[in-house]
Amino acid sequence: MPAFFASSALLAEGWARNVRLDISASGNLEKITVDGSPEGATRLAGPVLPGMPNLHSHAFQRAMAGLTELAGNPNDSFWTWRDVMYRLVERLDPEQIEVVARQLYIEMLKCGYTSVAEFHYVHHDSNGQAYAEPAELALRISRAARDAGIGLTLLPVLYSHSGFGGQAPNHGQRRFINSTDSYLNLIERLRPLLAQQPAQQVGLCFHSLRAVTPEQISAVLAADSSDCPIHIHIAEQQKEVSDCLTWSGRRPLQWLFEHVPVDQRWCLVHATHADAGEIRSMASSGSVAGLCITTEANLGDGIFPAVDYIAQGGRLGIGSDSHISVNVAEELRWLEYGQRLRDQKRNRFYRSDQPMIGRSLFDAAVAGGAQALGQPVGALEVGKRADLLVLDGNDPYIATAEGDGILNRWLFAGGDRQIRDVFVAGQQVIRGGRHAAEEQTQLAFAHVLRKMV
């Protein structure tokens, strides 16, 4: 049974010294000893944190990062960005999608994400036809996660329509489209296959209220008897809100809470344009707000009212979404900075029992992310998976900080360069800031980008 020894570790109950972590054969934390013995254990080279879950990812979009920062349309928005995305996705074949995902997941591990919820909606070939193996592209994502060594909650997406009220899909969406029956068959096909992979599982996913009908939501929920996670994009843009009002007389979040039993299984991705009543509904439901700050900023979506939400006990996590940035510290830092810009005040993300902003941000994101993924992660405690993030104990900022000050130094003065080692299910996947397969994967990724350009 492997064991690790850390001079300092953030346990579920708080910071502790001289911590011995004993790992079970299944990769879970079997025993945690404070003031323990290092004998027979591998010494870790800095403070140890639980790995960060990434609750929202569109892996293929990593290939287009940096390609859309081109001025020309004074009304450039999410919707014009989406047209560029459609042109990219029609050119990617299964092997390329797997390469891009593997590259992305290695980058995630290097910056401290140890598990990811993949919001996967590219299902078919470039003509919109199903592959001989209908789960072909989903299995490519599973394989990329396995090879990188990251935990995975795969969220195959039900996407059937182009707008509210069941509007016909457009040409750019042809690779995404499934009927309710073909979607349920896909879930049934994938669930046992991913169960055979370590640290992988399947959840349910509706692309958005504009992409599915109420009848489809009801049918999928009625057909599934599991307690798996359920994710949906919602209220990301103002146009979505106005279109939903035209269709139903209700705002997206308002409609959802009036018609669907939203509970702790749900992750409401973005929820950017939530009003005061919707914030109350979200917080009281126990669902998770899935915030993707760098993507929301890149697309000009808006700022989620996080200060109001956490004051009511709301739960949240972070995702890198379109992967314009893959950086835990940057995502959390700008979660806080966005609230400061909105409120024109400092130090917004705090709890009455925790004045350290870095600790409040980190605690919220690991707990909310773990809930959204439905995986036994998010804390260093017995029974949870041994997903460990080791900061560099030789870094001047880290070496001269203690306790919650470590998180403030890392999140507000540092970044991924301060991450030394990463473990998933007790297995080391990043050593000294490097992944064993990164050079080979980078070459393959560069080849994909050259062909794309």
Protein backbone atom coordinates (compact mmCIF):
# COMPACT_ATOMS: atom_id res chain seq x y z
CA MET A 1 0.00 0.00 0.00
CA PRO A 2 1.65 3.27 -1.12
CA ALA A 3 1.97 6.15 1.32
CA PHE A 4 2.94 9.82 1.04
CA PHE A 5 4.28 12.22 3.64
CA ALA A 6 3.67 15.97 3.54
CA SER A 7 5.12 18.53 5.89
CA SER A 8 1.92 20.55 5.37
CA ALA A 9 -1.47 19.54 3.94
CA LEU A 10 -4.93 21.05 3.67
CA LEU A 11 -7.18 18.35 5.11
CA ALA A 12 -10.98 18.45 5.21
CA GLU A 13 -10.79 19.84 8.75
CA GLY A 14 -8.06 22.37 7.97
CA TRP A 15 -4.29 22.68 7.65
CA ALA A 16 -2.17 20.07 9.40
CA ARG A 17 1.55 19.36 9.85
CA ASN A 18 3.54 16.19 9.13
CA VAL A 19 0.68 14.39 7.43
CA ARG A 20 0.96 10.78 6.32
CA LEU A 21 -1.45 9.72 3.58
CA ASP A 22 -1.93 5.97 3.10
CA ILE A 23 -3.52 5.00 -0.21
CA SER A 24 -5.67 1.93 -0.86
CA ALA A 25 -5.23 -0.40 -3.83
CA SER A 26 -8.25 1.30 -5.45
CA GLY A 27 -6.56 4.71 -5.24
CA ASN A 28 -8.56 6.15 -2.34
CA LEU A 29 -7.28 7.74 0.85
CA GLU A 30 -7.39 4.83 3.29
CA LYS A 31 -5.74 6.44 6.31
CA ILE A 32 -4.65 9.97 7.20
CA THR A 33 -2.28 10.49 10.14
CA VAL A 34 -1.44 13.94 11.49
CA ASP A 35 2.00 14.18 13.12
CA GLY A 36 2.66 10.84 11.46
CA SER A 37 5.82 9.02 10.57
CA PRO A 38 7.55 9.44 7.19
CA GLU A 39 9.02 5.93 7.42
CA GLY A 40 8.29 3.97 4.25
CA ALA A 41 6.42 6.89 2.69
CA THR A 42 7.28 9.04 -0.32
CA ARG A 43 8.10 12.57 0.83
CA LEU A 44 6.22 15.23 -1.11
CA ALA A 45 8.11 18.38 -2.05
CA GLY A 46 5.72 21.06 -0.81
CA PRO A 47 2.29 21.84 0.63
CA VAL A 48 -0.42 19.41 -0.46
CA LEU A 49 -3.95 20.38 -1.55
CA PRO A 50 -6.88 18.38 -2.92
CA GLY A 51 -6.91 18.42 -6.71
CA MET A 52 -9.31 20.84 -8.37
CA PRO A 53 -12.30 19.49 -10.36
CA ASN A 54 -12.99 21.23 -13.68
CA LEU A 55 -16.77 21.20 -14.04
CA HIS A 56 -17.15 22.40 -17.64
CA SER A 57 -15.08 21.57 -20.72
CA HIS A 58 -15.55 21.49 -24.50
CA ALA A 59 -12.25 19.80 -25.29
CA PHE A 60 -12.19 20.34 -29.06
CA GLN A 61 -12.39 24.12 -28.59
CA ARG A 62 -8.84 24.19 -27.25
CA ALA A 63 -7.78 24.00 -30.90
CA MET A 64 -9.35 27.40 -31.64
CA ALA A 65 -7.97 29.32 -28.63
CA GLY A 66 -6.53 32.62 -29.83
CA LEU A 67 -8.06 32.42 -33.31
CA THR A 68 -11.07 34.66 -32.69
CA GLU A 69 -9.35 37.76 -31.30
CA LEU A 70 -9.84 39.62 -34.57
CA ALA A 71 -11.77 42.91 -34.60
CA GLY A 72 -14.02 43.84 -37.48
CA ASN A 73 -17.61 43.47 -36.34
CA PRO A 74 -18.66 46.20 -33.89
CA ASN A 75 -21.39 43.85 -32.65
CA ASP A 76 -19.09 40.86 -32.16
CA SER A 77 -20.56 38.55 -29.54
CA PHE A 78 -21.02 34.95 -28.49
CA TRP A 79 -23.18 34.42 -31.55
CA THR A 80 -20.52 35.53 -34.05
CA TRP A 81 -17.91 33.52 -32.14
CA ARG A 82 -20.20 30.50 -32.48
CA ASP A 83 -20.07 30.75 -36.29
CA VAL A 84 -16.27 30.41 -36.14
CA MET A 85 -16.63 27.41 -33.84
CA TYR A 86 -19.00 25.73 -36.29
CA ARG A 87 -16.42 26.11 -39.07
CA LEU A 88 -13.75 24.51 -36.89
CA VAL A 89 -15.79 21.57 -35.71
CA GLU A 90 -16.80 20.48 -39.20
CA ARG A 91 -13.10 19.88 -40.05
CA LEU A 92 -12.06 17.70 -37.09
CA ASP A 93 -11.92 13.93 -37.49
CA PRO A 94 -12.06 11.41 -34.60
CA GLU A 95 -8.29 11.01 -34.29
CA GLN A 96 -7.79 14.79 -34.20
CA ILE A 97 -10.48 15.20 -31.55
CA GLU A 98 -8.70 12.62 -29.42
CA VAL A 99 -5.33 14.35 -29.87
CA VAL A 100 -6.75 17.75 -28.92
CA ALA A 101 -8.48 16.29 -25.86
CA ARG A 102 -5.34 14.48 -24.71
CA GLN A 103 -3.27 17.66 -25.08
CA LEU A 104 -5.88 19.64 -23.16
CA TYR A 105 -6.12 17.11 -20.33
CA ILE A 106 -2.34 17.10 -19.88
CA GLU A 107 -2.45 20.90 -19.68
CA MET A 108 -5.23 20.65 -17.10
CA LEU A 109 -3.20 18.29 -14.93
CA LYS A 110 -0.17 20.56 -15.08
CA CYS A 111 -2.21 23.48 -13.76
CA GLY A 112 -3.93 21.53 -10.95
CA TYR A 113 -7.17 20.15 -12.39
CA THR A 114 -7.31 16.44 -11.53
CA SER A 115 -10.78 15.65 -12.89
CA VAL A 116 -13.02 17.10 -15.57
CA ALA A 117 -16.66 17.13 -16.64
CA GLU A 118 -16.60 16.93 -20.43
CA PHE A 119 -19.71 18.56 -21.93
CA HIS A 120 -19.50 16.51 -25.11
CA TYR A 121 -21.79 17.43 -27.99
CA VAL A 122 -19.84 16.48 -31.15
CA HIS A 123 -21.38 13.07 -31.84
CA HIS A 124 -21.43 12.45 -35.61
CA ASP A 125 -19.28 12.70 -38.72
CA SER A 126 -18.85 15.88 -40.76
CA ASN A 127 -22.00 15.08 -42.75
CA GLY A 128 -24.07 14.64 -39.62
CA GLN A 129 -24.23 10.86 -39.97
CA ALA A 130 -23.72 8.48 -37.06
CA TYR A 131 -20.46 6.52 -37.01
CA ALA A 132 -20.59 2.72 -37.25
CA GLU A 133 -19.89 2.90 -33.51
CA PRO A 134 -22.39 5.60 -32.41
CA ALA A 135 -20.25 6.29 -29.34
CA GLU A 136 -17.07 6.72 -31.43
CA LEU A 137 -16.27 10.30 -30.43
CA ALA A 138 -17.34 9.86 -26.81
CA LEU A 139 -15.01 6.88 -26.54
CA ARG A 140 -12.21 8.99 -28.03
CA ILE A 141 -12.72 11.44 -25.16
CA SER A 142 -12.66 8.57 -22.66
CA ARG A 143 -9.42 7.26 -24.18
CA ALA A 144 -7.80 10.71 -24.10
CA ALA A 145 -8.65 11.08 -20.41
CA ARG A 146 -7.33 7.61 -19.64
CA ASP A 147 -4.05 8.22 -21.46
CA ALA A 148 -3.55 11.60 -19.80
CA GLY A 149 -4.47 10.19 -16.39
CA ILE A 150 -7.24 12.65 -15.48
CA GLY A 151 -10.54 11.72 -13.84
CA LEU A 152 -13.55 12.07 -16.16
CA THR A 153 -17.27 12.62 -15.86
CA LEU A 154 -18.37 12.31 -19.48
CA LEU A 155 -21.53 14.28 -20.23
CA PRO A 156 -22.92 13.25 -23.64
CA VAL A 157 -25.14 16.17 -24.65
CA LEU A 158 -28.69 16.00 -25.91
CA TYR A 159 -28.85 18.64 -28.66
CA SER A 160 -31.81 18.51 -31.07
CA HIS A 161 -32.88 22.03 -32.03
CA SER A 162 -31.52 25.45 -32.97
CA GLY A 163 -33.87 27.56 -30.88
CA PHE A 164 -36.67 27.66 -28.35
CA GLY A 165 -39.84 25.80 -29.27
CA GLY A 166 -38.16 23.01 -31.19
CA GLN A 167 -36.80 24.99 -34.16
CA ALA A 168 -35.04 22.90 -36.81
CA PRO A 169 -31.26 22.63 -36.39
CA ASN A 170 -29.05 24.58 -38.76
CA HIS A 171 -26.30 23.26 -41.01
CA GLY A 172 -23.49 24.11 -38.57
CA GLN A 173 -25.10 21.97 -35.87
CA ARG A 174 -25.36 18.77 -37.92
CA ARG A 175 -22.62 16.93 -35.97
CA PHE A 176 -24.40 17.58 -32.67
CA ILE A 177 -27.96 16.38 -33.30
CA ASN A 178 -29.61 13.41 -31.59
CA SER A 179 -33.21 12.39 -31.02
CA THR A 180 -34.29 11.52 -27.49
CA ASP A 181 -34.15 7.80 -28.30
CA SER A 182 -30.70 7.91 -29.92
CA TYR A 183 -29.44 9.94 -26.97
CA LEU A 184 -30.73 7.44 -24.42
CA ASN A 185 -29.20 4.61 -26.45
CA LEU A 186 -25.86 6.47 -26.36
CA ILE A 187 -26.03 6.78 -22.57
CA GLU A 188 -26.89 3.09 -22.26
CA ARG A 189 -23.95 2.17 -24.49
CA LEU A 190 -21.43 4.35 -22.64
CA ARG A 191 -22.31 3.73 -19.00
CA PRO A 192 -20.88 0.17 -18.68
CA LEU A 193 -17.87 0.99 -20.86
CA LEU A 194 -16.76 3.94 -18.75
CA ALA A 195 -17.46 2.02 -15.56
CA GLN A 196 -14.60 -0.26 -16.60
CA GLN A 197 -12.18 2.68 -16.66
CA PRO A 198 -10.57 3.98 -13.47
CA ALA A 199 -11.97 7.35 -12.32
CA GLN A 200 -14.51 7.61 -15.16
CA GLN A 201 -18.30 7.78 -15.23
CA VAL A 202 -21.23 9.10 -17.29
CA GLY A 203 -23.74 11.86 -16.52
CA LEU A 204 -26.76 13.37 -18.27
CA CYS A 205 -26.62 16.65 -20.14
CA PHE A 206 -29.00 18.98 -21.96
CA HIS A 207 -27.23 21.51 -24.13
CA SER A 208 -29.62 24.36 -23.26
CA LEU A 209 -33.32 25.15 -23.12
CA ARG A 210 -33.08 26.39 -26.70
CA ALA A 211 -31.64 23.07 -27.93
CA VAL A 212 -34.16 20.66 -26.36
CA THR A 213 -37.91 20.69 -25.78
CA PRO A 214 -39.66 20.37 -22.42
CA GLU A 215 -40.92 16.97 -23.53
CA GLN A 216 -37.36 15.79 -24.18
CA ILE A 217 -36.20 16.90 -20.73
CA SER A 218 -39.08 15.03 -19.12
CA ALA A 219 -38.49 11.89 -21.18
CA VAL A 220 -34.77 11.71 -20.41
CA LEU A 221 -35.26 12.27 -16.68
CA ALA A 222 -38.05 9.69 -16.55
CA ALA A 223 -35.97 7.10 -18.43
CA ASP A 224 -32.89 7.40 -16.20
CA SER A 225 -33.06 5.84 -12.74
CA SER A 226 -29.46 6.63 -11.73
CA ASP A 227 -28.36 9.40 -9.41
CA CYS A 228 -25.74 10.70 -11.87
CA PRO A 229 -24.99 14.41 -12.40
CA ILE A 230 -27.14 16.51 -14.74
CA HIS A 231 -25.69 19.56 -16.52
CA ILE A 232 -27.18 22.32 -18.67
CA HIS A 233 -26.05 25.63 -20.19
CA ILE A 234 -28.43 28.33 -19.02
CA ALA A 235 -28.86 32.13 -19.09
CA GLU A 236 -25.40 32.70 -20.56
CA GLN A 237 -26.32 35.59 -22.85
CA GLN A 238 -28.91 38.36 -22.84
CA LYS A 239 -30.29 37.19 -26.21
CA GLU A 240 -30.97 33.79 -24.70
CA VAL A 241 -32.96 35.44 -21.91
CA SER A 242 -35.00 37.59 -24.29
CA ASP A 243 -35.66 34.66 -26.66
CA CYS A 244 -36.83 32.53 -23.73
CA LEU A 245 -39.20 35.31 -22.62
CA THR A 246 -40.63 35.49 -26.14
CA TRP A 247 -41.13 31.72 -26.22
CA SER A 248 -42.49 31.12 -22.72
CA GLY A 249 -43.05 34.39 -20.89
CA ARG A 250 -40.37 33.28 -18.44
CA ARG A 251 -36.64 33.83 -18.08
CA PRO A 252 -34.54 30.64 -18.59
CA LEU A 253 -33.77 29.97 -14.92
CA GLN A 254 -37.31 30.91 -13.92
CA TRP A 255 -38.73 28.48 -16.48
CA LEU A 256 -36.40 25.69 -15.37
CA PHE A 257 -37.28 25.98 -11.69
CA GLU A 258 -41.01 26.11 -12.46
CA HIS A 259 -40.98 23.01 -14.68
CA VAL A 260 -38.11 20.75 -13.61
CA PRO A 261 -37.21 19.31 -10.17
CA VAL A 262 -33.75 20.91 -9.93
CA ASP A 263 -31.75 19.53 -7.02
CA GLN A 264 -28.18 18.75 -5.94
CA ARG A 265 -27.56 16.63 -9.04
CA TRP A 266 -27.79 19.68 -11.29
CA CYS A 267 -24.99 21.93 -12.51
CA LEU A 268 -26.32 25.18 -14.00
CA VAL A 269 -23.50 26.24 -16.30
CA HIS A 270 -22.91 30.00 -16.51
CA ALA A 271 -26.28 31.25 -15.15
CA THR A 272 -24.70 34.64 -15.85
CA HIS A 273 -27.93 36.58 -16.14
CA ALA A 274 -29.70 35.44 -12.97
CA ASP A 275 -31.95 37.93 -11.21
CA ALA A 276 -32.47 38.10 -7.43
CA GLY A 277 -35.33 35.58 -7.39
CA GLU A 278 -33.40 33.13 -9.56
CA ILE A 279 -30.37 33.44 -7.30
CA ARG A 280 -32.58 32.48 -4.35
CA SER A 281 -33.93 29.48 -6.26
CA MET A 282 -30.46 28.32 -7.24
CA ALA A 283 -29.10 28.61 -3.72
CA SER A 284 -32.05 26.87 -2.06
CA SER A 285 -32.07 24.01 -4.60
CA GLY A 286 -28.56 22.84 -3.67
CA SER A 287 -27.54 22.87 -7.34
CA VAL A 288 -24.11 24.08 -8.44
CA ALA A 289 -23.45 27.22 -10.46
CA GLY A 290 -20.83 26.31 -13.07
CA LEU A 291 -18.76 29.45 -13.56
CA CYS A 292 -16.25 29.71 -16.42
CA ILE A 293 -14.85 33.16 -15.85
CA THR A 294 -12.17 33.39 -18.55
CA THR A 295 -14.53 32.07 -21.24
CA GLU A 296 -17.39 34.29 -20.07
CA ALA A 297 -15.03 37.27 -20.21
CA ASN A 298 -13.66 36.26 -23.62
CA LEU A 299 -17.18 36.03 -25.04
CA GLY A 300 -18.38 39.21 -23.36
CA ASP A 301 -21.20 37.34 -21.59
CA GLY A 302 -21.38 39.29 -18.35
CA ILE A 303 -20.62 38.83 -14.64
CA PHE A 304 -22.46 36.32 -12.44
CA PRO A 305 -23.59 37.85 -9.09
CA ALA A 306 -21.38 35.57 -7.02
CA VAL A 307 -21.29 37.76 -3.90
CA ASP A 308 -25.08 37.68 -3.58
CA TYR A 309 -25.17 33.97 -4.36
CA ILE A 310 -22.62 32.83 -1.78
CA ALA A 311 -24.26 35.06 0.86
CA GLN A 312 -27.33 32.82 0.49
CA GLY A 313 -25.33 29.59 0.76
CA GLY A 314 -25.06 29.00 -2.97
CA ARG A 315 -22.66 26.35 -4.27
CA LEU A 316 -20.33 26.93 -7.19
CA GLY A 317 -17.38 25.50 -9.07
CA ILE A 318 -15.14 26.50 -11.95
CA GLY A 319 -14.58 25.28 -15.48
CA SER A 320 -12.33 26.30 -18.34
CA ASP A 321 -15.09 25.81 -20.95
CA SER A 322 -13.65 26.95 -24.32
CA HIS A 323 -10.09 26.79 -22.88
CA ILE A 324 -9.02 30.25 -23.89
CA SER A 325 -7.14 29.79 -20.61
CA VAL A 326 -6.34 26.57 -18.78
CA ASN A 327 -5.24 27.83 -15.37
CA VAL A 328 -6.85 27.16 -11.97
CA ALA A 329 -5.27 30.24 -10.40
CA GLU A 330 -6.41 32.53 -13.20
CA GLU A 331 -9.99 31.22 -13.09
CA LEU A 332 -10.27 31.71 -9.32
CA ARG A 333 -8.44 35.04 -9.35
CA TRP A 334 -10.79 36.47 -11.95
CA LEU A 335 -13.82 35.09 -10.16
CA GLU A 336 -12.83 37.43 -7.34
CA TYR A 337 -11.67 40.29 -9.56
CA GLY A 338 -14.90 40.28 -11.57
CA GLN A 339 -16.86 40.89 -8.38
CA ARG A 340 -14.45 43.70 -7.41
CA LEU A 341 -14.92 45.38 -10.79
CA ARG A 342 -18.68 45.05 -10.55
CA ASP A 343 -18.92 46.31 -6.96
CA GLN A 344 -15.94 48.72 -7.03
CA LYS A 345 -14.80 47.22 -3.72
CA ARG A 346 -12.02 44.85 -2.68
CA ASN A 347 -12.04 41.37 -1.08
CA ARG A 348 -15.52 40.30 -2.09
CA PHE A 349 -15.40 36.51 -1.88
CA TYR A 350 -15.29 35.87 1.84
CA ARG A 351 -17.17 34.00 4.54
CA SER A 352 -17.92 35.23 8.05
CA ASP A 353 -15.61 32.51 9.40
CA GLN A 354 -12.89 32.91 6.76
CA PRO A 355 -11.32 36.28 5.91
CA MET A 356 -8.69 34.79 3.55
CA ILE A 357 -10.02 35.23 0.01
CA GLY A 358 -7.82 32.51 -1.49
CA ARG A 359 -9.10 29.91 0.97
CA SER A 360 -12.75 30.91 0.45
CA LEU A 361 -12.36 30.65 -3.32
CA PHE A 362 -10.52 27.34 -3.19
CA ASP A 363 -12.91 25.69 -0.71
CA ALA A 364 -15.96 26.70 -2.73
CA ALA A 365 -14.54 25.54 -6.05
CA VAL A 366 -13.27 22.13 -4.92
CA ALA A 367 -16.51 21.31 -3.08
CA GLY A 368 -18.82 22.57 -5.82
CA GLY A 369 -16.73 20.94 -8.53
CA ALA A 370 -16.77 17.58 -6.76
CA GLN A 371 -20.56 17.77 -6.41
CA ALA A 372 -21.01 18.71 -10.07
CA LEU A 373 -18.82 15.81 -11.24
CA GLY A 374 -20.42 13.32 -8.86
CA GLN A 375 -17.02 11.88 -8.04
CA PRO A 376 -15.47 11.16 -4.61
CA VAL A 377 -13.00 14.04 -4.80
CA GLY A 378 -12.69 17.60 -3.51
CA ALA A 379 -11.18 16.99 -0.08
CA LEU A 380 -8.33 15.14 1.58
CA GLU A 381 -10.31 12.80 3.80
CA VAL A 382 -10.62 9.05 4.24
CA GLY A 383 -12.70 7.43 1.52
CA LYS A 384 -12.11 10.14 -1.07
CA ARG A 385 -9.97 9.52 -4.14
CA ALA A 386 -6.30 10.38 -3.65
CA ASP A 387 -6.19 13.33 -6.05
CA LEU A 388 -3.30 15.41 -4.74
CA LEU A 389 -1.86 18.73 -5.83
CA VAL A 390 1.68 19.43 -4.56
CA LEU A 391 2.89 23.03 -4.66
CA ASP A 392 6.58 23.77 -5.05
CA GLY A 393 8.05 24.06 -1.57
CA ASN A 394 11.12 25.83 -3.01
CA ASP A 395 9.14 28.62 -4.60
CA PRO A 396 9.85 31.82 -2.59
CA TYR A 397 6.17 32.73 -2.24
CA ILE A 398 5.18 29.22 -1.12
CA ALA A 399 8.23 28.65 1.08
CA THR A 400 7.59 31.82 3.11
CA ALA A 401 3.83 31.35 3.57
CA GLU A 402 1.87 29.25 6.04
CA GLY A 403 -1.66 27.90 6.21
CA ASP A 404 -4.24 29.88 4.26
CA GLY A 405 -1.52 32.36 3.30
CA ILE A 406 -0.23 29.65 0.93
CA LEU A 407 -3.48 29.82 -1.04
CA ASN A 408 -3.42 33.61 -1.18
CA ARG A 409 0.17 33.56 -2.44
CA TRP A 410 -0.53 30.88 -5.05
CA LEU A 411 -3.81 32.27 -6.35
CA PHE A 412 -2.99 35.99 -6.32
CA ALA A 413 0.78 36.06 -6.86
CA GLY A 414 1.46 32.89 -8.78
CA GLY A 415 -0.04 30.34 -11.13
CA ASP A 416 0.69 26.97 -12.67
CA ARG A 417 4.46 27.48 -12.41
CA GLN A 418 4.10 26.85 -8.65
CA ILE A 419 2.57 23.40 -9.20
CA ARG A 420 5.25 20.74 -8.88
CA ASP A 421 3.58 17.33 -8.71
CA VAL A 422 0.06 16.00 -9.31
CA PHE A 423 -1.48 12.64 -8.40
CA VAL A 424 -4.78 11.13 -9.54
CA ALA A 425 -6.09 8.14 -7.61
CA GLY A 426 -2.68 7.88 -5.94
CA GLN A 427 -0.83 7.67 -9.28
CA GLN A 428 1.66 10.38 -10.15
CA VAL A 429 0.73 12.04 -13.44
CA ILE A 430 2.81 15.23 -13.18
CA ARG A 431 6.39 15.07 -11.89
CA GLY A 432 8.39 18.25 -11.50
CA GLY A 433 5.90 20.13 -13.65
CA ARG A 434 6.02 17.64 -16.54
CA HIS A 435 3.86 14.87 -17.91
CA ALA A 436 5.53 11.75 -19.30
CA ALA A 437 3.65 11.99 -22.61
CA GLU A 438 3.67 15.75 -23.12
CA GLU A 439 6.38 15.97 -25.79
CA GLN A 440 4.80 13.31 -27.99
CA THR A 441 1.34 14.77 -27.48
CA GLN A 442 2.50 18.31 -28.24
CA LEU A 443 3.93 17.16 -31.58
CA ALA A 444 0.65 15.48 -32.50
CA PHE A 445 -1.30 18.55 -31.37
CA ALA A 446 0.88 20.87 -33.44
CA HIS A 447 0.22 18.66 -36.46
CA VAL A 448 -3.54 19.01 -35.91
CA LEU A 449 -3.23 22.81 -35.66
CA ARG A 450 -1.18 23.02 -38.88
CA LYS A 451 -3.76 21.01 -40.77
CA MET A 452 -6.56 23.12 -39.33
CA VAL A 453 -4.92 26.40 -40.33
